[in-house]
């Protein structure tokens, strides 16, 4: 991912359920740490920051689907599709030893989801 970032190429992430649960915060954590499920460190030079990872699953994904005019960023006139989370993702831990930490980005708790401006799910 880092090479693509340096070249100015937009990139996105995906989940391969059931290989991993559909958790895009975990995908961003994986890109930020480059650690596999088995704990193997992949090329650390290919890490990207949390902000760039979040762009991959928001604005870049909307652009890839041809929906940037109505999704992907918070702007007047766009759909309000968003998740409310327990803490600021930019403040989460992405250190290589943070995999099980409750402050790790991959463990970020979603409190509610909103689709087209309407609450569709809330943590109880």
PDB file of N, CA and C in Angstrom:
ATOM      1  N   UNK A   1       0.808  -1.183   0.000  1.00  0.00           N
ATOM      2  CA  UNK A   1       0.000   0.000   0.000  1.00  0.00           C
ATOM      3  C   UNK A   1       0.859   1.257   0.000  1.00  0.00           C
ATOM      4  N   UNK A   2       1.973   1.219   0.723  1.00  0.00           N
ATOM      5  CA  UNK A   2       2.791   2.426   0.813  1.00  0.00           C
ATOM      6  C   UNK A   2       3.339   2.833  -0.548  1.00  0.00           C
ATOM      7  N   UNK A   3       3.734   1.854  -1.358  1.00  0.00           N
ATOM      8  CA  UNK A   3       4.214   2.194  -2.706  1.00  0.00           C
ATOM      9  C   UNK A   3       3.116   2.873  -3.508  1.00  0.00           C
ATOM     10  N   UNK A   4       1.903   2.363  -3.437  1.00  0.00           N
ATOM     11  CA  UNK A   4       0.774   2.977  -4.147  1.00  0.00           C
ATOM     12  C   UNK A   4       0.551   4.399  -3.645  1.00  0.00           C
ATOM     13  N   UNK A   5       0.624   4.590  -2.334  1.00  0.00           N
ATOM     14  CA  UNK A   5       0.450   5.913  -1.742  1.00  0.00           C
ATOM     15  C   UNK A   5       1.511   6.881  -2.272  1.00  0.00           C
ATOM     16  N   UNK A   6       2.757   6.450  -2.271  1.00  0.00           N
ATOM     17  CA  UNK A   6       3.840   7.311  -2.763  1.00  0.00           C
ATOM     18  C   UNK A   6       3.678   7.663  -4.231  1.00  0.00           C
ATOM     19  N   UNK A   7       3.091   6.760  -5.005  1.00  0.00           N
ATOM     20  CA  UNK A   7       2.870   7.013  -6.429  1.00  0.00           C
ATOM     21  C   UNK A   7       1.588   7.804  -6.701  1.00  0.00           C
ATOM     22  N   UNK A   8       0.843   8.108  -5.634  1.00  0.00           N
ATOM     23  CA  UNK A   8      -0.399   8.853  -5.791  1.00  0.00           C
ATOM     24  C   UNK A   8      -1.546   8.016  -6.317  1.00  0.00           C
ATOM     25  N   UNK A   9      -1.433   6.687  -6.186  1.00  0.00           N
ATOM     26  CA  UNK A   9      -2.492   5.794  -6.657  1.00  0.00           C
ATOM     27  C   UNK A   9      -3.494   5.540  -5.532  1.00  0.00           C
ATOM     28  N   UNK A  10      -4.772   5.800  -5.770  1.00  0.00           N
ATOM     29  CA  UNK A  10      -5.752   5.503  -4.721  1.00  0.00           C
ATOM     30  C   UNK A  10      -5.887   3.991  -4.535  1.00  0.00           C
ATOM     31  N   UNK A  11      -6.030   3.569  -3.309  1.00  0.00           N
ATOM     32  CA  UNK A  11      -6.181   2.142  -3.004  1.00  0.00           C
ATOM     33  C   UNK A  11      -7.334   1.946  -2.048  1.00  0.00           C
ATOM     34  N   UNK A  12      -7.867   0.738  -2.049  1.00  0.00           N
ATOM     35  CA  UNK A  12      -8.948   0.366  -1.136  1.00  0.00           C
ATOM     36  C   UNK A  12      -8.594  -0.948  -0.460  1.00  0.00           C
ATOM     37  N   UNK A  13      -9.351  -1.292   0.564  1.00  0.00           N
ATOM     38  CA  UNK A  13      -9.209  -2.569   1.253  1.00  0.00           C
ATOM     39  C   UNK A  13     -10.510  -3.341   1.101  1.00  0.00           C
ATOM     40  N   UNK A  14     -10.442  -4.606   1.350  1.00  0.00           N
ATOM     41  CA  UNK A  14     -11.635  -5.435   1.332  1.00  0.00           C
ATOM     42  C   UNK A  14     -11.494  -6.497   2.407  1.00  0.00           C
ATOM     43  N   UNK A  15     -12.580  -7.184   2.675  1.00  0.00           N
ATOM     44  CA  UNK A  15     -12.518  -8.300   3.616  1.00  0.00           C
ATOM     45  C   UNK A  15     -12.916  -9.567   2.874  1.00  0.00           C
ATOM     46  N   UNK A  16     -12.290 -10.640   3.224  1.00  0.00           N
ATOM     47  CA  UNK A  16     -12.568 -11.938   2.617  1.00  0.00           C
ATOM     48  C   UNK A  16     -13.228 -12.841   3.640  1.00  0.00           C
ATOM     49  N   UNK A  17     -14.453 -12.504   3.997  1.00  0.00           N
ATOM     50  CA  UNK A  17     -15.169 -13.341   4.941  1.00  0.00           C
ATOM     51  C   UNK A  17     -15.404 -14.712   4.294  1.00  0.00           C
ATOM     52  N   UNK A  18     -15.170 -15.790   4.954  1.00  0.00           N
ATOM     53  CA  UNK A  18     -14.927 -15.950   6.372  1.00  0.00           C
ATOM     54  C   UNK A  18     -13.443 -16.008   6.763  1.00  0.00           C
ATOM     55  N   UNK A  19     -12.535 -15.661   5.874  1.00  0.00           N
ATOM     56  CA  UNK A  19     -11.114 -15.665   6.244  1.00  0.00           C
ATOM     57  C   UNK A  19     -10.893 -14.718   7.416  1.00  0.00           C
ATOM     58  N   UNK A  20     -11.424 -13.516   7.308  1.00  0.00           N
ATOM     59  CA  UNK A  20     -11.468 -12.597   8.443  1.00  0.00           C
ATOM     60  C   UNK A  20     -12.875 -12.032   8.515  1.00  0.00           C
ATOM     61  N   UNK A  21     -13.264 -11.626   9.705  1.00  0.00           N
ATOM     62  CA  UNK A  21     -14.579 -11.025   9.886  1.00  0.00           C
ATOM     63  C   UNK A  21     -14.653  -9.723   9.081  1.00  0.00           C
ATOM     64  N   UNK A  22     -15.832  -9.325   8.641  1.00  0.00           N
ATOM     65  CA  UNK A  22     -15.957  -8.069   7.897  1.00  0.00           C
ATOM     66  C   UNK A  22     -15.818  -6.866   8.831  1.00  0.00           C
ATOM     67  N   UNK A  23     -14.580  -6.506   9.129  1.00  0.00           N
ATOM     68  CA  UNK A  23     -14.259  -5.419  10.048  1.00  0.00           C
ATOM     69  C   UNK A  23     -13.231  -4.535   9.354  1.00  0.00           C
ATOM     70  N   UNK A  24     -13.673  -3.432   8.784  1.00  0.00           N
ATOM     71  CA  UNK A  24     -12.742  -2.579   8.047  1.00  0.00           C
ATOM     72  C   UNK A  24     -11.742  -1.886   8.959  1.00  0.00           C
ATOM     73  N   UNK A  25     -12.065  -1.724  10.247  1.00  0.00           N
ATOM     74  CA  UNK A  25     -11.062  -1.187  11.165  1.00  0.00           C
ATOM     75  C   UNK A  25      -9.900  -2.171  11.308  1.00  0.00           C
ATOM     76  N   UNK A  26     -10.203  -3.456  11.287  1.00  0.00           N
ATOM     77  CA  UNK A  26      -9.123  -4.444  11.330  1.00  0.00           C
ATOM     78  C   UNK A  26      -8.295  -4.388  10.044  1.00  0.00           C
ATOM     79  N   UNK A  27      -8.947  -4.162   8.910  1.00  0.00           N
ATOM     80  CA  UNK A  27      -8.209  -4.035   7.650  1.00  0.00           C
ATOM     81  C   UNK A  27      -7.254  -2.842   7.694  1.00  0.00           C
ATOM     82  N   UNK A  28      -7.721  -1.734   8.257  1.00  0.00           N
ATOM     83  CA  UNK A  28      -6.863  -0.554   8.383  1.00  0.00           C
ATOM     84  C   UNK A  28      -5.718  -0.859   9.347  1.00  0.00           C
ATOM     85  N   UNK A  29      -6.011  -1.554  10.454  1.00  0.00           N
ATOM     86  CA  UNK A  29      -4.968  -1.943  11.413  1.00  0.00           C
ATOM     87  C   UNK A  29      -3.914  -2.818  10.727  1.00  0.00           C
ATOM     88  N   UNK A  30      -4.371  -3.772   9.921  1.00  0.00           N
ATOM     89  CA  UNK A  30      -3.441  -4.653   9.210  1.00  0.00           C
ATOM     90  C   UNK A  30      -2.535  -3.845   8.273  1.00  0.00           C
ATOM     91  N   UNK A  31      -3.089  -2.870   7.594  1.00  0.00           N
ATOM     92  CA  UNK A  31      -2.288  -2.044   6.689  1.00  0.00           C
ATOM     93  C   UNK A  31      -1.319  -1.150   7.466  1.00  0.00           C
ATOM     94  N   UNK A  32      -1.712  -0.749   8.665  1.00  0.00           N
ATOM     95  CA  UNK A  32      -0.853   0.114   9.485  1.00  0.00           C
ATOM     96  C   UNK A  32       0.246  -0.665  10.201  1.00  0.00           C
ATOM     97  N   UNK A  33       0.006  -1.942  10.475  1.00  0.00           N
ATOM     98  CA  UNK A  33       1.005  -2.741  11.200  1.00  0.00           C
ATOM     99  C   UNK A  33       1.747  -3.731  10.314  1.00  0.00           C
ATOM    100  N   UNK A  34       1.069  -4.216   9.253  1.00  0.00           N
ATOM    101  CA  UNK A  34       1.610  -5.246   8.356  1.00  0.00           C
ATOM    102  C   UNK A  34       1.916  -6.528   9.125  1.00  0.00           C
ATOM    103  N   UNK A  35       1.010  -6.899  10.038  1.00  0.00           N
ATOM    104  CA  UNK A  35       1.151  -8.128  10.821  1.00  0.00           C
ATOM    105  C   UNK A  35       0.046  -9.088  10.406  1.00  0.00           C
ATOM    106  N   UNK A  36       0.400 -10.330  10.135  1.00  0.00           N
ATOM    107  CA  UNK A  36      -0.569 -11.339   9.729  1.00  0.00           C
ATOM    108  C   UNK A  36      -1.293 -11.910  10.947  1.00  0.00           C
ATOM    109  N   UNK A  37      -2.331 -12.701  10.691  1.00  0.00           N
ATOM    110  CA  UNK A  37      -3.051 -13.366  11.789  1.00  0.00           C
ATOM    111  C   UNK A  37      -2.125 -14.261  12.598  1.00  0.00           C
ATOM    112  N   UNK A  38      -1.112 -14.811  11.959  1.00  0.00           N
ATOM    113  CA  UNK A  38      -0.163 -15.692  12.647  1.00  0.00           C
ATOM    114  C   UNK A  38       0.922 -14.896  13.374  1.00  0.00           C
ATOM    115  N   UNK A  39       0.862 -13.570  13.317  1.00  0.00           N
ATOM    116  CA  UNK A  39       1.841 -12.743  14.005  1.00  0.00           C
ATOM    117  C   UNK A  39       3.112 -12.490  13.220  1.00  0.00           C
ATOM    118  N   UNK A  40       3.105 -12.813  11.944  1.00  0.00           N
ATOM    119  CA  UNK A  40       4.290 -12.611  11.108  1.00  0.00           C
ATOM    120  C   UNK A  40       4.321 -11.161  10.627  1.00  0.00           C
ATOM    121  N   UNK A  41       5.476 -10.529  10.796  1.00  0.00           N
ATOM    122  CA  UNK A  41       5.654  -9.157  10.338  1.00  0.00           C
ATOM    123  C   UNK A  41       5.993  -9.158   8.852  1.00  0.00           C
ATOM    124  N   UNK A  42       5.113  -8.568   8.048  1.00  0.00           N
ATOM    125  CA  UNK A  42       5.390  -8.402   6.622  1.00  0.00           C
ATOM    126  C   UNK A  42       6.186  -7.112   6.438  1.00  0.00           C
ATOM    127  N   UNK A  43       6.641  -6.848   5.251  1.00  0.00           N
ATOM    128  CA  UNK A  43       7.487  -5.695   4.948  1.00  0.00           C
ATOM    129  C   UNK A  43       6.983  -4.412   5.621  1.00  0.00           C
ATOM    130  N   UNK A  44       7.646  -3.966   6.694  1.00  0.00           N
ATOM    131  CA  UNK A  44       7.178  -2.773   7.399  1.00  0.00           C
ATOM    132  C   UNK A  44       7.258  -1.501   6.545  1.00  0.00           C
ATOM    133  N   UNK A  45       8.059  -1.523   5.491  1.00  0.00           N
ATOM    134  CA  UNK A  45       8.155  -0.354   4.616  1.00  0.00           C
ATOM    135  C   UNK A  45       6.844  -0.106   3.863  1.00  0.00           C
ATOM    136  N   UNK A  46       5.954  -1.094   3.835  1.00  0.00           N
ATOM    137  CA  UNK A  46       4.683  -0.951   3.124  1.00  0.00           C
ATOM    138  C   UNK A  46       3.538  -0.509   4.040  1.00  0.00           C
ATOM    139  N   UNK A  47       3.844  -0.184   5.298  1.00  0.00           N
ATOM    140  CA  UNK A  47       2.814   0.314   6.211  1.00  0.00           C
ATOM    141  C   UNK A  47       2.265   1.649   5.702  1.00  0.00           C
ATOM    142  N   UNK A  48       1.000   1.888   6.015  1.00  0.00           N
ATOM    143  CA  UNK A  48       0.409   3.202   5.779  1.00  0.00           C
ATOM    144  C   UNK A  48      -0.170   3.702   7.094  1.00  0.00           C
ATOM    145  N   UNK A  49      -0.347   4.983   7.207  1.00  0.00           N
ATOM    146  CA  UNK A  49      -0.909   5.565   8.417  1.00  0.00           C
ATOM    147  C   UNK A  49      -2.401   5.314   8.532  1.00  0.00           C
ATOM    148  N   UNK A  50      -2.919   5.512   9.725  1.00  0.00           N
ATOM    149  CA  UNK A  50      -4.338   5.298   9.974  1.00  0.00           C
ATOM    150  C   UNK A  50      -5.186   6.200   9.084  1.00  0.00           C
ATOM    151  N   UNK A  51      -4.806   7.461   8.950  1.00  0.00           N
ATOM    152  CA  UNK A  51      -5.592   8.387   8.128  1.00  0.00           C
ATOM    153  C   UNK A  51      -5.687   7.889   6.690  1.00  0.00           C
ATOM    154  N   UNK A  52      -4.558   7.465   6.130  1.00  0.00           N
ATOM    155  CA  UNK A  52      -4.573   6.951   4.761  1.00  0.00           C
ATOM    156  C   UNK A  52      -5.412   5.681   4.659  1.00  0.00           C
ATOM    157  N   UNK A  53      -5.361   4.839   5.686  1.00  0.00           N
ATOM    158  CA  UNK A  53      -6.183   3.634   5.701  1.00  0.00           C
ATOM    159  C   UNK A  53      -7.670   3.952   5.764  1.00  0.00           C
ATOM    160  N   UNK A  54      -8.029   4.952   6.555  1.00  0.00           N
ATOM    161  CA  UNK A  54      -9.432   5.356   6.636  1.00  0.00           C
ATOM    162  C   UNK A  54      -9.909   5.949   5.307  1.00  0.00           C
ATOM    163  N   UNK A  55      -9.040   6.658   4.617  1.00  0.00           N
ATOM    164  CA  UNK A  55      -9.404   7.165   3.296  1.00  0.00           C
ATOM    165  C   UNK A  55      -9.648   6.007   2.328  1.00  0.00           C
ATOM    166  N   UNK A  56      -8.894   4.930   2.487  1.00  0.00           N
ATOM    167  CA  UNK A  56      -9.059   3.766   1.609  1.00  0.00           C
ATOM    168  C   UNK A  56     -10.461   3.178   1.726  1.00  0.00           C
ATOM    169  N   UNK A  57     -11.035   3.193   2.936  1.00  0.00           N
ATOM    170  CA  UNK A  57     -12.350   2.575   3.138  1.00  0.00           C
ATOM    171  C   UNK A  57     -13.504   3.570   3.065  1.00  0.00           C
ATOM    172  N   UNK A  58     -13.200   4.822   2.769  1.00  0.00           N
ATOM    173  CA  UNK A  58     -14.257   5.832   2.661  1.00  0.00           C
ATOM    174  C   UNK A  58     -14.206   6.479   1.277  1.00  0.00           C
ATOM    175  N   UNK A  59     -13.448   7.527   1.158  1.00  0.00           N
ATOM    176  CA  UNK A  59     -13.426   8.306  -0.088  1.00  0.00           C
ATOM    177  C   UNK A  59     -12.911   7.479  -1.270  1.00  0.00           C
ATOM    178  N   UNK A  60     -11.854   6.699  -1.071  1.00  0.00           N
ATOM    179  CA  UNK A  60     -11.325   5.893  -2.181  1.00  0.00           C
ATOM    180  C   UNK A  60     -12.312   4.807  -2.599  1.00  0.00           C
ATOM    181  N   UNK A  61     -12.976   4.196  -1.613  1.00  0.00           N
ATOM    182  CA  UNK A  61     -13.964   3.156  -1.940  1.00  0.00           C
ATOM    183  C   UNK A  61     -15.145   3.753  -2.699  1.00  0.00           C
ATOM    184  N   UNK A  62     -15.603   4.924  -2.280  1.00  0.00           N
ATOM    185  CA  UNK A  62     -16.712   5.571  -2.984  1.00  0.00           C
ATOM    186  C   UNK A  62     -16.306   5.907  -4.418  1.00  0.00           C
ATOM    187  N   UNK A  63     -15.090   6.383  -4.594  1.00  0.00           N
ATOM    188  CA  UNK A  63     -14.610   6.699  -5.944  1.00  0.00           C
ATOM    189  C   UNK A  63     -14.520   5.439  -6.791  1.00  0.00           C
ATOM    190  N   UNK A  64     -14.037   4.343  -6.209  1.00  0.00           N
ATOM    191  CA  UNK A  64     -13.907   3.086  -6.939  1.00  0.00           C
ATOM    192  C   UNK A  64     -15.262   2.581  -7.434  1.00  0.00           C
ATOM    193  N   UNK A  65     -16.299   2.816  -6.649  1.00  0.00           N
ATOM    194  CA  UNK A  65     -17.642   2.388  -7.024  1.00  0.00           C
ATOM    195  C   UNK A  65     -18.381   3.428  -7.872  1.00  0.00           C
ATOM    196  N   UNK A  66     -17.717   4.533  -8.187  1.00  0.00           N
ATOM    197  CA  UNK A  66     -18.352   5.571  -8.987  1.00  0.00           C
ATOM    198  C   UNK A  66     -19.427   6.329  -8.225  1.00  0.00           C
ATOM    199  N   UNK A  67     -19.296   6.385  -6.890  1.00  0.00           N
ATOM    200  CA  UNK A  67     -20.316   7.018  -6.062  1.00  0.00           C
ATOM    201  C   UNK A  67     -19.782   8.215  -5.280  1.00  0.00           C
ATOM    202  N   UNK A  68     -18.653   8.752  -5.691  1.00  0.00           N
ATOM    203  CA  UNK A  68     -18.036   9.850  -4.944  1.00  0.00           C
ATOM    204  C   UNK A  68     -18.921  11.094  -4.910  1.00  0.00           C
ATOM    205  N   UNK A  69     -19.796  11.249  -5.894  1.00  0.00           N
ATOM    206  CA  UNK A  69     -20.676  12.417  -5.900  1.00  0.00           C
ATOM    207  C   UNK A  69     -21.741  12.348  -4.808  1.00  0.00           C
ATOM    208  N   UNK A  70     -21.952  11.153  -4.204  1.00  0.00           N
ATOM    209  CA  UNK A  70     -22.978  11.038  -3.169  1.00  0.00           C
ATOM    210  C   UNK A  70     -22.519  10.349  -1.888  1.00  0.00           C
ATOM    211  N   UNK A  71     -21.285   9.830  -1.875  1.00  0.00           N
ATOM    212  CA  UNK A  71     -20.763   9.117  -0.703  1.00  0.00           C
ATOM    213  C   UNK A  71     -19.281   9.388  -0.537  1.00  0.00           C
ATOM    214  N   UNK A  72     -18.736   8.928   0.583  1.00  0.00           N
ATOM    215  CA  UNK A  72     -17.290   8.899   0.781  1.00  0.00           C
ATOM    216  C   UNK A  72     -16.711  10.026   1.602  1.00  0.00           C
ATOM    217  N   UNK A  73     -17.384  11.178   1.626  1.00  0.00           N
ATOM    218  CA  UNK A  73     -16.932  12.313   2.430  1.00  0.00           C
ATOM    219  C   UNK A  73     -18.153  12.933   3.093  1.00  0.00           C
ATOM    220  N   UNK A  74     -17.902  13.684   4.142  1.00  0.00           N
ATOM    221  CA  UNK A  74     -18.988  14.366   4.842  1.00  0.00           C
ATOM    222  C   UNK A  74     -19.149  15.751   4.234  1.00  0.00           C
ATOM    223  N   UNK A  75     -20.164  15.889   3.394  1.00  0.00           N
ATOM    224  CA  UNK A  75     -20.445  17.150   2.729  1.00  0.00           C
ATOM    225  C   UNK A  75     -21.953  17.327   2.610  1.00  0.00           C
ATOM    226  N   UNK A  76     -22.372  18.580   2.595  1.00  0.00           N
ATOM    227  CA  UNK A  76     -23.784  18.888   2.401  1.00  0.00           C
ATOM    228  C   UNK A  76     -24.237  18.284   1.080  1.00  0.00           C
ATOM    229  N   UNK A  77     -25.372  17.593   1.115  1.00  0.00           N
ATOM    230  CA  UNK A  77     -25.948  16.999  -0.077  1.00  0.00           C
ATOM    231  C   UNK A  77     -25.561  15.548  -0.304  1.00  0.00           C
ATOM    232  N   UNK A  78     -24.581  15.044   0.453  1.00  0.00           N
ATOM    233  CA  UNK A  78     -24.203  13.637   0.323  1.00  0.00           C
ATOM    234  C   UNK A  78     -24.962  12.806   1.344  1.00  0.00           C
ATOM    235  N   UNK A  79     -25.062  11.498   1.075  1.00  0.00           N
ATOM    236  CA  UNK A  79     -25.716  10.593   2.011  1.00  0.00           C
ATOM    237  C   UNK A  79     -24.966  10.572   3.333  1.00  0.00           C
ATOM    238  N   UNK A  80     -25.691  10.498   4.403  1.00  0.00           N
ATOM    239  CA  UNK A  80     -25.067  10.441   5.723  1.00  0.00           C
ATOM    240  C   UNK A  80     -24.941   8.984   6.141  1.00  0.00           C
ATOM    241  N   UNK A  81     -24.019   8.255   5.514  1.00  0.00           N
ATOM    242  CA  UNK A  81     -23.726   6.871   5.880  1.00  0.00           C
ATOM    243  C   UNK A  81     -22.480   6.911   6.752  1.00  0.00           C
ATOM    244  N   UNK A  82     -22.620   6.565   8.011  1.00  0.00           N
ATOM    245  CA  UNK A  82     -21.457   6.640   8.891  1.00  0.00           C
ATOM    246  C   UNK A  82     -21.604   5.735  10.086  1.00  0.00           C
ATOM    247  N   UNK A  83     -20.496   5.531  10.746  1.00  0.00           N
ATOM    248  CA  UNK A  83     -20.467   4.746  11.974  1.00  0.00           C
ATOM    249  C   UNK A  83     -20.026   5.659  13.105  1.00  0.00           C
ATOM    250  N   UNK A  84     -20.666   5.498  14.243  1.00  0.00           N
ATOM    251  CA  UNK A  84     -20.252   6.207  15.444  1.00  0.00           C
ATOM    252  C   UNK A  84     -19.449   5.208  16.260  1.00  0.00           C
ATOM    253  N   UNK A  85     -18.224   5.576  16.596  1.00  0.00           N
ATOM    254  CA  UNK A  85     -17.316   4.647  17.266  1.00  0.00           C
ATOM    255  C   UNK A  85     -16.931   5.165  18.652  1.00  0.00           C
ATOM    256  N   UNK A  86     -16.410   4.275  19.473  1.00  0.00           N
ATOM    257  CA  UNK A  86     -16.130   4.553  20.876  1.00  0.00           C
ATOM    258  C   UNK A  86     -14.989   5.547  21.089  1.00  0.00           C
ATOM    259  N   UNK A  87     -14.107   5.674  20.121  1.00  0.00           N
ATOM    260  CA  UNK A  87     -12.982   6.598  20.279  1.00  0.00           C
ATOM    261  C   UNK A  87     -12.509   7.056  18.911  1.00  0.00           C
ATOM    262  N   UNK A  88     -11.704   8.059  18.885  1.00  0.00           N
ATOM    263  CA  UNK A  88     -11.159   8.586  17.644  1.00  0.00           C
ATOM    264  C   UNK A  88     -10.213   7.545  17.043  1.00  0.00           C
ATOM    265  N   UNK A  89     -10.498   7.051  15.847  1.00  0.00           N
ATOM    266  CA  UNK A  89      -9.621   6.040  15.241  1.00  0.00           C
ATOM    267  C   UNK A  89      -8.177   6.518  15.086  1.00  0.00           C
ATOM    268  N   UNK A  90      -7.983   7.811  14.908  1.00  0.00           N
ATOM    269  CA  UNK A  90      -6.633   8.339  14.741  1.00  0.00           C
ATOM    270  C   UNK A  90      -5.815   8.258  16.018  1.00  0.00           C
ATOM    271  N   UNK A  91      -6.479   8.068  17.160  1.00  0.00           N
ATOM    272  CA  UNK A  91      -5.797   7.947  18.449  1.00  0.00           C
ATOM    273  C   UNK A  91      -5.596   6.505  18.889  1.00  0.00           C
ATOM    274  N   UNK A  92      -6.002   5.556  18.071  1.00  0.00           N
ATOM    275  CA  UNK A  92      -5.900   4.145  18.450  1.00  0.00           C
ATOM    276  C   UNK A  92      -4.472   3.629  18.291  1.00  0.00           C
ATOM    277  N   UNK A  93      -4.185   2.583  19.024  1.00  0.00           N
ATOM    278  CA  UNK A  93      -2.864   1.961  19.034  1.00  0.00           C
ATOM    279  C   UNK A  93      -2.677   1.065  17.814  1.00  0.00           C
ATOM    280  N   UNK A  94      -1.598   1.282  17.079  1.00  0.00           N
ATOM    281  CA  UNK A  94      -1.247   0.408  15.952  1.00  0.00           C
ATOM    282  C   UNK A  94       0.182  -0.105  16.100  1.00  0.00           C
ATOM    283  N   UNK A  95       0.656  -0.152  17.337  1.00  0.00           N
ATOM    284  CA  UNK A  95       1.986  -0.708  17.547  1.00  0.00           C
ATOM    285  C   UNK A  95       1.945  -2.205  17.247  1.00  0.00           C
ATOM    286  N   UNK A  96       3.071  -2.776  16.828  1.00  0.00           N
ATOM    287  CA  UNK A  96       3.084  -4.198  16.470  1.00  0.00           C
ATOM    288  C   UNK A  96       2.604  -5.142  17.576  1.00  0.00           C
ATOM    289  N   UNK A  97       2.724  -4.740  18.835  1.00  0.00           N
ATOM    290  CA  UNK A  97       2.294  -5.614  19.929  1.00  0.00           C
ATOM    291  C   UNK A  97       0.885  -5.285  20.430  1.00  0.00           C
ATOM    292  N   UNK A  98       0.127  -4.494  19.661  1.00  0.00           N
ATOM    293  CA  UNK A  98      -1.186  -4.051  20.120  1.00  0.00           C
ATOM    294  C   UNK A  98      -2.335  -4.956  19.683  1.00  0.00           C
ATOM    295  N   UNK A  99      -2.057  -6.065  19.041  1.00  0.00           N
ATOM    296  CA  UNK A  99      -3.109  -6.894  18.430  1.00  0.00           C
ATOM    297  C   UNK A  99      -4.282  -7.164  19.357  1.00  0.00           C
ATOM    298  N   UNK A 100      -4.032  -7.522  20.595  1.00  0.00           N
ATOM    299  CA  UNK A 100      -5.119  -7.881  21.510  1.00  0.00           C
ATOM    300  C   UNK A 100      -5.544  -6.712  22.399  1.00  0.00           C
ATOM    301  N   UNK A 101      -4.852  -5.601  22.292  1.00  0.00           N
ATOM    302  CA  UNK A 101      -5.146  -4.461  23.151  1.00  0.00           C
ATOM    303  C   UNK A 101      -6.532  -3.891  22.872  1.00  0.00           C
ATOM    304  N   UNK A 102      -7.280  -3.553  23.937  1.00  0.00           N
ATOM    305  CA  UNK A 102      -8.593  -2.944  23.712  1.00  0.00           C
ATOM    306  C   UNK A 102      -8.490  -1.563  23.069  1.00  0.00           C
ATOM    307  N   UNK A 103      -7.317  -0.971  23.075  1.00  0.00           N
ATOM    308  CA  UNK A 103      -7.132   0.335  22.432  1.00  0.00           C
ATOM    309  C   UNK A 103      -6.630   0.201  20.995  1.00  0.00           C
ATOM    310  N   UNK A 104      -6.456  -1.039  20.549  1.00  0.00           N
ATOM    311  CA  UNK A 104      -5.993  -1.258  19.181  1.00  0.00           C
ATOM    312  C   UNK A 104      -7.085  -0.880  18.197  1.00  0.00           C
ATOM    313  N   UNK A 105      -6.689  -0.329  17.089  1.00  0.00           N
ATOM    314  CA  UNK A 105      -7.638   0.063  16.053  1.00  0.00           C
ATOM    315  C   UNK A 105      -8.508  -1.108  15.629  1.00  0.00           C
ATOM    316  N   UNK A 106      -7.942  -2.291  15.556  1.00  0.00           N
ATOM    317  CA  UNK A 106      -8.706  -3.460  15.104  1.00  0.00           C
ATOM    318  C   UNK A 106      -9.835  -3.822  16.053  1.00  0.00           C
ATOM    319  N   UNK A 107      -9.775  -3.360  17.288  1.00  0.00           N
ATOM    320  CA  UNK A 107     -10.796  -3.659  18.288  1.00  0.00           C
ATOM    321  C   UNK A 107     -11.731  -2.477  18.554  1.00  0.00           C
ATOM    322  N   UNK A 108     -11.683  -1.468  17.701  1.00  0.00           N
ATOM    323  CA  UNK A 108     -12.506  -0.280  17.890  1.00  0.00           C
ATOM    324  C   UNK A 108     -13.983  -0.657  17.903  1.00  0.00           C
ATOM    325  N   UNK A 109     -14.673  -0.269  18.951  1.00  0.00           N
ATOM    326  CA  UNK A 109     -16.083  -0.642  19.105  1.00  0.00           C
ATOM    327  C   UNK A 109     -16.990   0.327  18.349  1.00  0.00           C
ATOM    328  N   UNK A 110     -17.850  -0.229  17.509  1.00  0.00           N
ATOM    329  CA  UNK A 110     -18.862   0.551  16.807  1.00  0.00           C
ATOM    330  C   UNK A 110     -20.062   0.693  17.741  1.00  0.00           C
ATOM    331  N   UNK A 111     -20.489   1.924  17.978  1.00  0.00           N
ATOM    332  CA  UNK A 111     -21.612   2.186  18.873  1.00  0.00           C
ATOM    333  C   UNK A 111     -22.933   2.301  18.130  1.00  0.00           C
ATOM    334  N   UNK A 112     -22.875   2.775  16.890  1.00  0.00           N
ATOM    335  CA  UNK A 112     -24.101   2.916  16.095  1.00  0.00           C
ATOM    336  C   UNK A 112     -23.723   3.073  14.626  1.00  0.00           C
ATOM    337  N   UNK A 113     -24.659   2.726  13.755  1.00  0.00           N
ATOM    338  CA  UNK A 113     -24.476   2.959  12.324  1.00  0.00           C
ATOM    339  C   UNK A 113     -25.668   3.746  11.806  1.00  0.00           C
ATOM    340  N   UNK A 114     -25.368   4.634  10.885  1.00  0.00           N
ATOM    341  CA  UNK A 114     -26.379   5.501  10.288  1.00  0.00           C
ATOM    342  C   UNK A 114     -26.294   5.331   8.784  1.00  0.00           C
ATOM    343  N   UNK A 115     -27.423   5.139   8.146  1.00  0.00           N
ATOM    344  CA  UNK A 115     -27.505   4.951   6.691  1.00  0.00           C
ATOM    345  C   UNK A 115     -28.489   5.971   6.150  1.00  0.00           C
ATOM    346  N   UNK A 116     -28.035   6.770   5.193  1.00  0.00           N
ATOM    347  CA  UNK A 116     -28.878   7.808   4.586  1.00  0.00           C
ATOM    348  C   UNK A 116     -29.517   8.692   5.650  1.00  0.00           C
ATOM    349  N   UNK A 117     -28.744   8.973   6.706  1.00  0.00           N
ATOM    350  CA  UNK A 117     -29.223   9.873   7.744  1.00  0.00           C
ATOM    351  C   UNK A 117     -30.121   9.244   8.787  1.00  0.00           C
ATOM    352  N   UNK A 118     -30.359   7.925   8.716  1.00  0.00           N
ATOM    353  CA  UNK A 118     -31.250   7.253   9.670  1.00  0.00           C
ATOM    354  C   UNK A 118     -30.469   6.214  10.473  1.00  0.00           C
ATOM    355  N   UNK A 119     -30.712   6.192  11.771  1.00  0.00           N
ATOM    356  CA  UNK A 119     -30.103   5.201  12.647  1.00  0.00           C
ATOM    357  C   UNK A 119     -30.623   3.823  12.275  1.00  0.00           C
ATOM    358  N   UNK A 120     -29.703   2.901  11.927  1.00  0.00           N
ATOM    359  CA  UNK A 120     -30.160   1.550  11.575  1.00  0.00           C
ATOM    360  C   UNK A 120     -29.680   0.489  12.561  1.00  0.00           C
ATOM    361  N   UNK A 121     -28.680   0.833  13.375  1.00  0.00           N
ATOM    362  CA  UNK A 121     -28.217  -0.130  14.380  1.00  0.00           C
ATOM    363  C   UNK A 121     -27.570   0.645  15.513  1.00  0.00           C
ATOM    364  N   UNK A 122     -27.788   0.167  16.733  1.00  0.00           N
ATOM    365  CA  UNK A 122     -27.180   0.787  17.900  1.00  0.00           C
ATOM    366  C   UNK A 122     -26.759  -0.303  18.879  1.00  0.00           C
ATOM    367  N   UNK A 123     -25.563  -0.169  19.405  1.00  0.00           N
ATOM    368  CA  UNK A 123     -25.053  -1.121  20.391  1.00  0.00           C
ATOM    369  C   UNK A 123     -25.898  -1.017  21.654  1.00  0.00           C
ATOM    370  N   UNK A 124     -26.236  -2.153  22.195  1.00  0.00           N
ATOM    371  CA  UNK A 124     -27.064  -2.118  23.406  1.00  0.00           C
ATOM    372  C   UNK A 124     -26.252  -2.393  24.648  1.00  0.00           C
TER     373      UNK A 124
END
